[in-house]
């Protein structure tokens, strides 16, 4: 199976957030946005990808740790924030 790249994972996350935003607006329920942020964060926690330029600045393990921390921040946004729709 071909590995996802950073760009593909970012694009998939944006599609997920956009679709959940439309769903939340149509159904007048903001829980969909919170769930989308949590799923988006889980994408980076489970499969930590990073841009190619990060290889020159950080080691591979360091870049993966940063990607996982960014995923945890996205999960925190989904758990803490109340989106008013």
Protein backbone atom coordinates (compact mmCIF):
# COMPACT_ATOMS: atom_id res chain seq x y z
CA UNK A 1 0.00 0.00 0.00
CA UNK A 2 1.26 3.41 -0.95
CA UNK A 3 1.98 5.76 1.98
CA UNK A 4 0.13 9.04 2.26
CA UNK A 5 2.16 12.17 1.80
CA UNK A 6 1.87 15.30 3.88
CA UNK A 7 -0.07 17.11 1.17
CA UNK A 8 -2.56 14.28 0.73
CA UNK A 9 -3.20 14.06 4.47
CA UNK A 10 -3.67 17.83 4.78
CA UNK A 11 -6.06 17.74 1.81
CA UNK A 12 -8.02 14.87 3.30
CA UNK A 13 -8.30 16.77 6.57
CA UNK A 14 -9.52 19.91 4.81
CA UNK A 15 -12.17 17.90 2.95
CA UNK A 16 -13.22 16.32 6.25
CA UNK A 17 -13.50 19.72 7.96
CA UNK A 18 -15.34 21.27 5.02
CA UNK A 19 -17.85 18.42 4.79
CA UNK A 20 -18.47 18.44 8.53
CA UNK A 21 -18.91 22.22 8.46
CA UNK A 22 -21.62 21.88 5.83
CA UNK A 23 -23.23 19.05 7.77
CA UNK A 24 -23.14 21.09 10.98
CA UNK A 25 -24.70 24.10 9.25
CA UNK A 26 -27.46 22.07 7.62
CA UNK A 27 -28.36 20.13 10.76
CA UNK A 28 -27.69 23.03 13.17
CA UNK A 29 -25.54 20.80 15.36
CA UNK A 30 -21.93 21.80 15.99
CA UNK A 31 -20.88 18.38 17.31
CA UNK A 32 -19.93 17.45 13.74
CA UNK A 33 -17.21 20.11 13.69
CA UNK A 34 -15.84 18.90 17.01
CA UNK A 35 -15.77 15.30 15.77
CA UNK A 36 -14.03 16.40 12.57
CA UNK A 37 -11.26 18.14 14.52
CA UNK A 38 -10.81 15.05 16.68
CA UNK A 39 -10.63 12.77 13.63
CA UNK A 40 -8.24 15.17 11.91
CA UNK A 41 -5.96 15.10 14.94
CA UNK A 42 -6.14 11.31 15.10
CA UNK A 43 -4.92 11.18 11.50
CA UNK A 44 -1.68 12.81 12.59
CA UNK A 45 -1.35 10.85 15.83
CA UNK A 46 -1.80 7.50 14.10
CA UNK A 47 0.06 8.35 10.88
CA UNK A 48 2.51 11.21 11.55
CA UNK A 49 3.54 12.71 8.23
CA UNK A 50 5.60 15.85 7.76
CA UNK A 51 6.75 18.03 4.86
CA UNK A 52 9.89 17.04 3.00
CA UNK A 53 11.63 20.24 4.13
CA UNK A 54 11.38 19.09 7.76
CA UNK A 55 13.95 16.36 7.02
CA UNK A 56 16.63 19.02 6.66
CA UNK A 57 15.77 20.79 9.90
CA UNK A 58 14.86 17.91 12.23
CA UNK A 59 15.63 14.24 12.44
CA UNK A 60 12.95 11.82 11.26
CA UNK A 61 11.97 10.95 14.84
CA UNK A 62 11.82 14.63 15.79
CA UNK A 63 9.61 15.48 12.82
CA UNK A 64 7.26 12.61 13.69
CA UNK A 65 7.03 13.83 17.29
CA UNK A 66 6.15 17.33 16.09
CA UNK A 67 3.46 15.91 13.76
CA UNK A 68 2.00 13.90 16.65
CA UNK A 69 1.98 16.97 18.90
CA UNK A 70 0.17 18.91 16.17
CA UNK A 71 -2.38 16.08 16.07
CA UNK A 72 -2.85 16.34 19.82
CA UNK A 73 -3.43 20.08 19.47
CA UNK A 74 -6.13 19.41 16.86
CA UNK A 75 -7.76 16.89 19.22
CA UNK A 76 -7.65 19.48 22.02
CA UNK A 77 -9.35 22.01 19.73
CA UNK A 78 -12.11 19.50 19.08
CA UNK A 79 -12.56 18.73 22.77
CA UNK A 80 -12.35 22.26 24.17
CA UNK A 81 -13.92 24.53 21.57
CA UNK A 82 -17.66 25.04 21.24
CA UNK A 83 -18.45 25.95 17.66
CA UNK A 84 -21.64 27.97 17.48
CA UNK A 85 -23.62 26.92 14.44
